Every structure is written in C-alpha cells, then in structure tokens.
C-alpha cells in the first residue's frame, strides 16, 4: 500500500499539491471554528500552534492558524500549477 502511494506521487507529483490544499483548509477551519483539539497542549514551544496558544492566547493562535492555512493553500495551488503545467 505504501509503495503504491509512493509510486503514484513519484509519477504524478502535481497531486501532492492537493494534500497541501486539504491540510490548509483543515487549518483554516480549525482557526475559524475554534477546534479545541487543534490548539490544546502544554507546550510553550513557539514553533507549534499550542505554544503560540499558551504564550499569546487563543485569539492570536487562531489568527496565526488561519493565515498559515491560507499560505499552505496558496503553496499547494502553486505546487499543483507548476507540476501540472510547467514540469514535463
């Protein structure tokens, strides 16, 4: 199963951009809907969303999550666009 997935993405890398888009949409939804499971944690590492939540508060963490989700969606679209139309 794993080998088939690796082979699929090796042959058609443009579809890997769709995974970025889906994850970005998940991040945007988590920020807008205030999903607790996405923000909860006891970590103060600012490289993770739970650290931003614990250090700056939930409101700032939600804003950072939505903006990060938008960036990930744009990166996924660019990835798909480049591999679908420009890479042979």
C-alpha atoms as a PDB file:
ATOM      1  CA  UNK A   1       0.000   0.000   0.000  1.00  0.00           C
ATOM      2  CA  UNK A   2       2.742   2.472   0.946  1.00  0.00           C
ATOM      3  CA  UNK A   3       4.750   1.528  -2.137  1.00  0.00           C
ATOM      4  CA  UNK A   4       1.736   2.217  -4.343  1.00  0.00           C
ATOM      5  CA  UNK A   5       1.281   5.664  -2.801  1.00  0.00           C
ATOM      6  CA  UNK A   6       4.970   6.480  -3.225  1.00  0.00           C
ATOM      7  CA  UNK A   7       4.853   5.295  -6.830  1.00  0.00           C
ATOM      8  CA  UNK A   8       1.719   7.345  -7.531  1.00  0.00           C
ATOM      9  CA  UNK A   9       3.239  10.571  -6.211  1.00  0.00           C
ATOM     10  CA  UNK A  10       6.547   9.836  -7.960  1.00  0.00           C
ATOM     11  CA  UNK A  11       4.762   9.532 -11.294  1.00  0.00           C
ATOM     12  CA  UNK A  12       2.310  12.390 -10.731  1.00  0.00           C
ATOM     13  CA  UNK A  13       3.802  14.885  -8.250  1.00  0.00           C
ATOM     14  CA  UNK A  14       1.242  17.583  -9.054  1.00  0.00           C
ATOM     15  CA  UNK A  15      -1.321  15.764  -6.895  1.00  0.00           C
ATOM     16  CA  UNK A  16       0.872  16.271  -3.842  1.00  0.00           C
ATOM     17  CA  UNK A  17      -0.235  19.907  -4.006  1.00  0.00           C
ATOM     18  CA  UNK A  18      -3.788  18.759  -3.321  1.00  0.00           C
ATOM     19  CA  UNK A  19      -2.617  17.372   0.030  1.00  0.00           C
ATOM     20  CA  UNK A  20      -1.260  20.833   0.871  1.00  0.00           C
ATOM     21  CA  UNK A  21      -4.594  22.392  -0.082  1.00  0.00           C
ATOM     22  CA  UNK A  22      -6.544  19.919   2.074  1.00  0.00           C
ATOM     23  CA  UNK A  23      -4.275  20.486   5.079  1.00  0.00           C
ATOM     24  CA  UNK A  24      -4.536  24.261   4.600  1.00  0.00           C
ATOM     25  CA  UNK A  25      -8.319  24.053   4.514  1.00  0.00           C
ATOM     26  CA  UNK A  26      -8.186  21.977   7.710  1.00  0.00           C
ATOM     27  CA  UNK A  27      -6.083  24.700   9.356  1.00  0.00           C
ATOM     28  CA  UNK A  28      -8.440  27.444   8.207  1.00  0.00           C
ATOM     29  CA  UNK A  29     -11.459  25.534   9.513  1.00  0.00           C
ATOM     30  CA  UNK A  30      -9.706  24.864  12.842  1.00  0.00           C
ATOM     31  CA  UNK A  31      -8.959  28.561  13.259  1.00  0.00           C
ATOM     32  CA  UNK A  32     -12.425  29.741  12.305  1.00  0.00           C
ATOM     33  CA  UNK A  33     -14.386  27.081  14.211  1.00  0.00           C
ATOM     34  CA  UNK A  34     -12.051  27.225  17.259  1.00  0.00           C
ATOM     35  CA  UNK A  35     -11.489  23.456  17.388  1.00  0.00           C
ATOM     36  CA  UNK A  36     -10.033  22.672  20.788  1.00  0.00           C
ATOM     37  CA  UNK A  37      -8.147  19.531  19.732  1.00  0.00           C
ATOM     38  CA  UNK A  38      -6.081  21.636  17.335  1.00  0.00           C
ATOM     39  CA  UNK A  39      -4.947  24.145  19.977  1.00  0.00           C
ATOM     40  CA  UNK A  40      -4.742  22.192  23.243  1.00  0.00           C
ATOM     41  CA  UNK A  41      -1.345  21.315  24.670  1.00  0.00           C
ATOM     42  CA  UNK A  42       1.022  22.125  27.491  1.00  0.00           C
ATOM     43  CA  UNK A  43       3.922  23.064  25.256  1.00  0.00           C
ATOM     44  CA  UNK A  44       5.461  26.553  25.208  1.00  0.00           C
ATOM     45  CA  UNK A  45       7.473  25.891  22.044  1.00  0.00           C
ATOM     46  CA  UNK A  46       6.615  28.749  19.688  1.00  0.00           C
ATOM     47  CA  UNK A  47       7.284  26.522  16.687  1.00  0.00           C
ATOM     48  CA  UNK A  48       3.990  24.755  17.380  1.00  0.00           C
ATOM     49  CA  UNK A  49       0.480  26.180  17.476  1.00  0.00           C
ATOM     50  CA  UNK A  50      -0.078  25.020  21.052  1.00  0.00           C
ATOM     51  CA  UNK A  51       2.942  27.061  22.137  1.00  0.00           C
ATOM     52  CA  UNK A  52       1.520  30.150  20.464  1.00  0.00           C
ATOM     53  CA  UNK A  53      -1.804  29.389  22.140  1.00  0.00           C
ATOM     54  CA  UNK A  54      -0.218  29.078  25.589  1.00  0.00           C
ATOM     55  CA  UNK A  55       2.082  32.078  25.213  1.00  0.00           C
ATOM     56  CA  UNK A  56      -0.059  34.648  23.356  1.00  0.00           C
ATOM     57  CA  UNK A  57      -3.594  33.360  23.870  1.00  0.00           C
ATOM     58  CA  UNK A  58      -6.219  31.560  21.831  1.00  0.00           C
ATOM     59  CA  UNK A  59      -7.250  34.574  19.749  1.00  0.00           C
ATOM     60  CA  UNK A  60      -3.734  35.168  18.398  1.00  0.00           C
ATOM     61  CA  UNK A  61      -3.263  31.418  17.848  1.00  0.00           C
ATOM     62  CA  UNK A  62      -6.476  31.314  15.802  1.00  0.00           C
ATOM     63  CA  UNK A  63      -5.359  34.284  13.686  1.00  0.00           C
ATOM     64  CA  UNK A  64      -1.934  32.702  13.099  1.00  0.00           C
ATOM     65  CA  UNK A  65      -3.603  29.395  12.193  1.00  0.00           C
ATOM     66  CA  UNK A  66      -5.919  30.979   9.632  1.00  0.00           C
ATOM     67  CA  UNK A  67      -3.111  32.966   7.997  1.00  0.00           C
ATOM     68  CA  UNK A  68      -0.851  29.904   7.988  1.00  0.00           C
ATOM     69  CA  UNK A  69      -3.653  27.877   6.436  1.00  0.00           C
ATOM     70  CA  UNK A  70      -4.046  30.466   3.685  1.00  0.00           C
ATOM     71  CA  UNK A  71      -0.302  30.306   2.978  1.00  0.00           C
ATOM     72  CA  UNK A  72      -0.411  26.489   2.846  1.00  0.00           C
ATOM     73  CA  UNK A  73      -3.394  26.559   0.455  1.00  0.00           C
ATOM     74  CA  UNK A  74      -1.595  29.029  -1.824  1.00  0.00           C
ATOM     75  CA  UNK A  75       1.563  26.875  -1.704  1.00  0.00           C
ATOM     76  CA  UNK A  76      -0.489  23.812  -2.659  1.00  0.00           C
ATOM     77  CA  UNK A  77      -2.090  25.622  -5.579  1.00  0.00           C
ATOM     78  CA  UNK A  78       1.299  26.862  -6.786  1.00  0.00           C
ATOM     79  CA  UNK A  79       2.763  23.359  -6.396  1.00  0.00           C
ATOM     80  CA  UNK A  80      -0.089  21.863  -8.447  1.00  0.00           C
ATOM     81  CA  UNK A  81       0.125  24.600 -11.061  1.00  0.00           C
ATOM     82  CA  UNK A  82       3.886  24.230 -11.525  1.00  0.00           C
ATOM     83  CA  UNK A  83       3.886  20.436 -11.778  1.00  0.00           C
ATOM     84  CA  UNK A  84       0.698  20.204 -13.866  1.00  0.00           C
ATOM     85  CA  UNK A  85       1.582  22.800 -16.487  1.00  0.00           C
ATOM     86  CA  UNK A  86       5.326  23.525 -16.463  1.00  0.00           C
ATOM     87  CA  UNK A  87       7.221  20.380 -15.492  1.00  0.00           C
ATOM     88  CA  UNK A  88       7.370  17.695 -18.148  1.00  0.00           C
END
